[in-house]
Amino acid sequence: MSIKVEYISKVYGKQFALDNVSFEVQTGEIVGFLGPNGAGKSTMMKVLTCFIPPTTGKAFVNGFDVMEQSIDVRRSVGYLPENNPLYLDMYVKEYLEFIAGLHKMKNIKSHVNEMIAVTGLELEQHKQIGALSKGYRQRVGLAQALIHDPEVLILDEPTTGLDPNQLEEIRTLIKKVGQSKTVLLSTHIMQEVEILCSRVIIVNKGKIVTNKTTSTLQKGDDKRMLILVEFDRLADLKKIQEISGVESVKLLKENSYAIITKPDQDIRPSLFKFAVAHGLSIIEMQREEKKLEDVFKELTK
């Protein structure tokens, strides 16, 4: 595995920023690392990138111990911190050449030109970083994180300040990178997590409160379904309730109903039969999955 965290705690005075945290991330996974402000997300990322040491526990990145082999960890990690520290007086291309030089890369100019193209910085490459918009500064931050072709990418709020077009481009880039690399992604944008992440780790007050696949969280643990159905005219509420597998039914508006099923019951075939038997036409029917935002709120209240 590319990231392995074993019982990590980080204590400031008497306050636990991280409290006995353990998890693993495999190569090719894009994992969302979520939590409210102050939950310990950035602290965990700083431990994994060797910016701060843990108080107790062990962490390994690409097989290297963050305490014993910190130089090897830094070589194999691309990191975009939340505040994206950049040298504002440097020009974009100059800065990326400087970063590539720090990594002692060969063919620096070709690597820089490739990264400028990948992150969409062609028109901005000869500008000073201080003159760029926040969105383009984020692109520069991503470019410096990717330029040395790291095995592990750790991104803390990577899409902050991007417009909708830039959001789509950067998300596409992260998804492409995630096919061959390990990506640990922190964000407050739940839609972004649903689009990008195969798995979600949620921390609250320094502890992991869930570590599950995105689809599992959206389906919920109780295995009930919420079915939204609209008929061409009003149906008998009591008769819908009598359909096998229906737990409850509610009229939403006009001819639309919200039906909650019993656990492990898919009543959609039965709804079609019900409509035919009662001379109804189904205008629309969909299975509504739980929103990740709702799950997040439930777990971090």
Protein backbone atom coordinates (compact mmCIF):
# COMPACT_ATOMS: atom_id res chain seq x y z
CA MET A 1 0.00 0.00 0.00
CA SER A 2 1.12 3.59 -0.62
CA ILE A 3 -0.05 5.16 2.66
CA LYS A 4 -0.22 3.29 5.95
CA VAL A 5 -1.09 5.06 9.19
CA GLU A 6 -0.87 3.15 12.48
CA TYR A 7 -2.34 4.60 15.68
CA ILE A 8 -1.16 8.17 15.02
CA SER A 9 -1.82 10.78 17.71
CA LYS A 10 -0.76 14.41 17.72
CA VAL A 11 -1.12 16.33 20.97
CA TYR A 12 -0.74 20.06 21.54
CA GLY A 13 -0.62 20.63 25.28
CA LYS A 14 -3.68 18.70 26.45
CA GLN A 15 -5.58 18.87 23.16
CA PHE A 16 -5.59 15.95 20.73
CA ALA A 17 -5.43 17.18 17.11
CA LEU A 18 -5.28 13.48 16.12
CA ASP A 19 -6.36 10.69 18.43
CA ASN A 20 -5.22 7.12 17.64
CA VAL A 21 -5.86 7.35 13.88
CA SER A 22 -5.26 4.34 11.61
CA PHE A 23 -6.01 3.85 7.89
CA GLU A 24 -4.49 2.64 4.62
CA VAL A 25 -4.63 3.93 1.04
CA GLN A 26 -3.73 1.71 -1.93
CA THR A 27 -2.07 2.68 -5.21
CA GLY A 28 -4.68 3.85 -7.74
CA GLU A 29 -7.13 5.02 -5.08
CA ILE A 30 -8.45 8.56 -4.76
CA VAL A 31 -9.54 8.84 -1.14
CA GLY A 32 -11.44 11.79 0.29
CA PHE A 33 -10.16 12.83 3.71
CA LEU A 34 -13.00 14.89 5.15
CA GLY A 35 -13.99 16.60 8.36
CA PRO A 36 -15.18 19.92 9.79
CA ASN A 37 -12.72 22.73 10.44
CA GLY A 38 -10.34 21.79 13.25
CA ALA A 39 -11.03 18.05 12.90
CA GLY A 40 -7.38 17.15 12.23
CA LYS A 41 -7.28 16.86 8.43
CA SER A 42 -4.42 19.26 7.78
CA THR A 43 -2.52 17.93 10.79
CA MET A 44 -2.67 14.41 9.32
CA MET A 45 -1.43 15.67 5.97
CA LYS A 46 1.44 17.54 7.62
CA VAL A 47 2.45 14.35 9.43
CA LEU A 48 2.39 12.35 6.16
CA THR A 49 4.50 14.98 4.39
CA CYS A 50 7.03 15.21 7.26
CA PHE A 51 6.23 18.83 8.16
CA ILE A 52 5.43 17.87 11.74
CA PRO A 53 6.18 14.70 13.74
CA PRO A 54 3.43 12.64 15.38
CA THR A 55 3.32 12.44 19.17
CA THR A 56 2.77 8.68 19.04
CA GLY A 57 2.21 6.07 16.34
CA LYS A 58 3.78 5.31 12.97
CA ALA A 59 3.09 6.37 9.38
CA PHE A 60 4.53 5.04 6.12
CA VAL A 61 4.37 6.65 2.68
CA ASN A 62 5.37 4.54 -0.31
CA GLY A 63 6.96 2.13 2.18
CA PHE A 64 9.09 4.80 3.89
CA ASP A 65 8.78 5.70 7.58
CA VAL A 66 7.92 9.40 7.97
CA MET A 67 10.14 9.63 11.06
CA GLU A 68 13.10 7.50 10.01
CA GLN A 69 13.16 8.10 6.23
CA SER A 70 11.74 11.60 5.81
CA ILE A 71 13.92 12.50 2.78
CA ASP A 72 12.66 9.42 0.88
CA VAL A 73 9.08 10.31 1.83
CA ARG A 74 9.49 13.86 0.50
CA ARG A 75 10.92 12.56 -2.77
CA SER A 76 7.90 10.33 -3.36
CA VAL A 77 5.18 12.82 -2.35
CA GLY A 78 3.58 15.71 -4.19
CA TYR A 79 1.95 18.08 -1.71
CA LEU A 80 -0.39 21.01 -2.17
CA PRO A 81 -1.06 22.52 1.28
CA GLU A 82 -4.20 24.48 2.07
CA ASN A 83 -2.52 27.89 2.04
CA ASN A 84 -0.53 27.14 -1.16
CA PRO A 85 2.72 28.97 -0.30
CA LEU A 86 4.30 30.36 -3.48
CA TYR A 87 7.11 32.78 -4.25
CA LEU A 88 4.96 35.65 -5.54
CA ASP A 89 7.88 37.62 -7.02
CA MET A 90 8.91 34.74 -9.28
CA TYR A 91 7.50 34.11 -12.75
CA VAL A 92 5.46 30.95 -13.29
CA LYS A 93 7.93 29.21 -15.56
CA GLU A 94 10.89 30.37 -13.46
CA TYR A 95 9.27 29.02 -10.29
CA LEU A 96 8.52 25.60 -11.80
CA GLU A 97 12.09 25.35 -13.11
CA PHE A 98 13.29 26.20 -9.60
CA ILE A 99 11.12 23.45 -8.05
CA ALA A 100 12.28 20.92 -10.66
CA GLY A 101 15.86 21.88 -9.83
CA LEU A 102 15.27 21.23 -6.14
CA HIS A 103 14.17 17.72 -7.11
CA LYS A 104 17.38 17.37 -9.17
CA MET A 105 15.40 16.45 -12.26
CA LYS A 106 16.95 15.97 -15.68
CA ASN A 107 15.53 17.68 -18.79
CA ILE A 108 14.03 20.37 -16.60
CA LYS A 109 12.73 22.58 -19.41
CA SER A 110 10.80 19.76 -21.12
CA HIS A 111 9.26 18.65 -17.79
CA VAL A 112 8.23 22.23 -17.00
CA ASN A 113 6.69 22.75 -20.45
CA GLU A 114 4.76 19.50 -20.09
CA MET A 115 3.43 20.46 -16.65
CA ILE A 116 2.45 23.95 -17.88
CA ALA A 117 0.41 22.30 -20.65
CA VAL A 118 -1.16 19.72 -18.30
CA THR A 119 -2.32 22.37 -15.80
CA GLY A 120 -3.41 24.91 -18.43
CA LEU A 121 -0.84 27.59 -17.61
CA GLU A 122 0.35 28.33 -21.17
CA LEU A 123 -1.00 31.89 -21.27
CA GLU A 124 0.21 32.65 -17.74
CA GLN A 125 3.70 31.11 -17.81
CA HIS A 126 5.52 34.42 -18.33
CA LYS A 127 3.58 36.29 -15.63
CA GLN A 128 4.64 36.89 -12.05
CA ILE A 129 2.82 34.56 -9.66
CA GLY A 130 1.73 37.58 -7.58
CA ALA A 131 -0.18 38.91 -10.61
CA LEU A 132 -2.23 35.72 -11.06
CA SER A 133 -5.81 35.14 -9.93
CA LYS A 134 -6.38 32.73 -7.04
CA GLY A 135 -7.50 30.03 -9.48
CA TYR A 136 -4.31 30.22 -11.51
CA ARG A 137 -2.21 30.23 -8.33
CA GLN A 138 -3.89 26.93 -7.45
CA ARG A 139 -2.84 25.59 -10.84
CA VAL A 140 0.76 26.62 -10.14
CA GLY A 141 0.51 24.83 -6.77
CA LEU A 142 -0.75 21.68 -8.49
CA ALA A 143 1.99 21.91 -11.11
CA GLN A 144 4.71 22.07 -8.44
CA ALA A 145 3.14 19.09 -6.64
CA LEU A 146 3.13 17.01 -9.84
CA ILE A 147 6.32 18.11 -11.56
CA HIS A 148 8.61 15.41 -10.12
CA ASP A 149 6.10 12.65 -10.98
CA PRO A 150 5.49 11.53 -7.37
CA GLU A 151 3.93 8.18 -6.49
CA VAL A 152 1.70 9.80 -3.84
CA LEU A 153 -0.26 13.04 -4.18
CA ILE A 154 -1.60 14.80 -1.07
CA LEU A 155 -3.97 17.67 -1.85
CA ASP A 156 -5.44 19.97 0.79
CA GLU A 157 -8.37 21.97 -0.67
CA PRO A 158 -6.93 21.88 -4.24
CA THR A 159 -9.89 23.52 -6.02
CA THR A 160 -10.35 26.52 -3.73
CA GLY A 161 -11.05 29.66 -5.75
CA LEU A 162 -11.50 27.99 -9.14
CA ASP A 163 -14.30 28.97 -11.54
CA PRO A 164 -16.63 26.23 -12.89
CA ASN A 165 -14.55 25.64 -16.03
CA GLN A 166 -11.31 25.44 -14.05
CA LEU A 167 -13.01 23.12 -11.54
CA GLU A 168 -13.89 20.65 -14.28
CA GLU A 169 -10.39 20.79 -15.77
CA ILE A 170 -8.59 20.28 -12.44
CA ARG A 171 -10.97 17.49 -11.40
CA THR A 172 -10.32 15.74 -14.72
CA LEU A 173 -6.60 16.11 -14.10
CA ILE A 174 -6.85 14.68 -10.56
CA LYS A 175 -8.94 11.76 -11.81
CA LYS A 176 -6.41 11.02 -14.55
CA VAL A 177 -3.50 11.23 -12.11
CA GLY A 178 -5.36 8.95 -9.70
CA GLN A 179 -5.34 6.06 -12.18
CA SER A 180 -1.63 5.47 -11.60
CA LYS A 181 -0.92 7.28 -8.32
CA THR A 182 -2.25 7.37 -4.77
CA VAL A 183 -4.28 10.52 -4.08
CA LEU A 184 -5.36 11.70 -0.62
CA LEU A 185 -7.74 14.61 -1.10
CA SER A 186 -9.14 17.00 1.48
CA THR A 187 -12.07 19.19 0.45
CA HIS A 188 -15.29 20.70 1.78
CA ILE A 189 -17.02 20.31 -1.61
CA MET A 190 -19.10 17.13 -1.26
CA GLN A 191 -19.96 17.06 -4.98
CA GLU A 192 -16.23 16.90 -5.68
CA VAL A 193 -15.89 13.88 -3.41
CA GLU A 194 -18.79 12.11 -5.13
CA ILE A 195 -17.19 12.74 -8.54
CA LEU A 196 -13.58 11.89 -7.70
CA CYS A 197 -13.30 9.61 -4.68
CA SER A 198 -13.77 5.86 -4.51
CA ARG A 199 -13.56 5.91 -0.72
CA VAL A 200 -14.18 8.43 2.05
CA ILE A 201 -12.50 8.81 5.44
CA ILE A 202 -14.28 11.25 7.76
CA VAL A 203 -12.57 12.58 10.87
CA ASN A 204 -14.20 14.48 13.71
CA LYS A 205 -12.40 15.85 16.78
CA GLY A 206 -9.24 13.98 15.81
CA LYS A 207 -10.89 10.55 15.43
CA ILE A 208 -12.02 8.60 12.37
CA VAL A 209 -15.81 8.30 12.43
CA THR A 210 -16.14 6.40 9.14
CA ASN A 211 -13.94 4.79 6.49
CA LYS A 212 -16.12 3.40 3.69
CA THR A 213 -16.59 3.47 -0.06
CA THR A 214 -18.52 6.45 -1.40
CA SER A 215 -21.30 4.22 -2.74
CA THR A 216 -21.72 2.43 0.61
CA LEU A 217 -22.10 5.75 2.44
CA GLN A 218 -24.67 6.97 -0.07
CA LYS A 219 -26.72 3.78 0.14
CA GLY A 220 -26.74 3.88 3.95
CA ASP A 221 -26.28 1.11 6.47
CA ASP A 222 -29.95 0.26 6.93
CA LYS A 223 -30.27 -1.01 3.30
CA ARG A 224 -33.57 0.79 2.77
CA MET A 225 -34.38 2.52 -0.52
CA LEU A 226 -36.07 5.84 -1.14
CA ILE A 227 -38.11 5.64 -4.35
CA LEU A 228 -39.58 8.79 -5.90
CA VAL A 229 -42.41 8.06 -8.32
CA GLU A 230 -44.80 10.27 -10.28
CA PHE A 231 -48.01 8.90 -11.82
CA ASP A 232 -50.18 10.59 -14.46
CA ARG A 233 -52.93 11.02 -11.89
CA LEU A 234 -53.62 10.63 -8.18
CA ALA A 235 -53.13 7.12 -6.78
CA ASP A 236 -54.64 5.57 -3.68
CA LEU A 237 -52.11 6.06 -0.84
CA LYS A 238 -53.42 3.08 1.12
CA LYS A 239 -53.08 0.75 -1.85
CA ILE A 240 -49.47 1.82 -2.44
CA GLN A 241 -48.81 1.08 1.24
CA GLU A 242 -50.13 -2.46 0.67
CA ILE A 243 -47.46 -3.24 -1.97
CA SER A 244 -45.11 -5.92 -0.64
CA GLY A 245 -41.85 -4.40 0.57
CA VAL A 246 -43.22 -0.89 1.22
CA GLU A 247 -42.47 0.46 4.68
CA SER A 248 -43.97 3.94 4.31
CA VAL A 249 -45.34 6.21 1.61
CA LYS A 250 -45.89 9.97 1.51
CA LEU A 251 -47.63 12.22 -1.00
CA LEU A 252 -45.17 14.95 -2.00
CA LYS A 253 -47.13 17.05 -4.48
CA GLU A 254 -49.94 16.44 -6.97
CA ASN A 255 -49.28 12.88 -8.21
CA SER A 256 -45.74 12.42 -6.81
CA TYR A 257 -44.91 10.03 -3.96
CA ALA A 258 -41.90 9.28 -1.76
CA ILE A 259 -41.76 5.59 -0.85
CA ILE A 260 -39.36 4.09 1.69
CA THR A 261 -38.84 0.37 1.28
CA LYS A 262 -38.13 -2.28 3.87
CA PRO A 263 -34.46 -3.41 4.11
CA ASP A 264 -33.13 -5.20 1.01
CA GLN A 265 -36.41 -4.72 -0.88
CA ASP A 266 -36.49 -3.35 -4.45
CA ILE A 267 -40.15 -2.58 -5.13
CA ARG A 268 -39.73 -0.98 -8.56
CA PRO A 269 -40.99 -4.02 -10.54
CA SER A 270 -43.99 -4.18 -8.20
CA LEU A 271 -44.70 -0.47 -8.78
CA PHE A 272 -44.92 -1.07 -12.53
CA LYS A 273 -47.38 -3.93 -11.94
CA PHE A 274 -49.35 -1.70 -9.53
CA ALA A 275 -49.60 1.03 -12.17
CA VAL A 276 -50.85 -1.41 -14.84
CA ALA A 277 -53.39 -2.97 -12.46
CA HIS A 278 -54.83 0.43 -11.55
CA GLY A 279 -54.76 2.02 -15.00
CA LEU A 280 -51.93 4.42 -14.10
CA SER A 281 -48.98 5.58 -16.17
CA ILE A 282 -45.61 6.18 -14.53
CA ILE A 283 -44.32 9.57 -15.65
CA GLU A 284 -41.06 9.32 -13.69
CA MET A 285 -39.45 6.97 -11.19
CA GLN A 286 -36.02 7.17 -9.61
CA ARG A 287 -34.09 5.71 -6.74
CA GLU A 288 -32.79 8.53 -4.56
CA GLU A 289 -29.43 7.90 -2.94
CA LYS A 290 -28.42 9.50 0.32
CA LYS A 291 -26.44 12.68 -0.23
CA LEU A 292 -22.88 12.61 1.04
CA GLU A 293 -23.47 16.02 2.58
CA ASP A 294 -26.24 14.53 4.76
CA VAL A 295 -23.97 11.67 5.84
CA PHE A 296 -21.22 14.17 6.69
CA LYS A 297 -23.60 16.21 8.85
CA GLU A 298 -24.88 13.14 10.68
CA LEU A 299 -21.37 11.94 11.54
CA THR A 300 -19.86 15.28 12.54
CA LYS A 301 -22.63 16.94 14.56
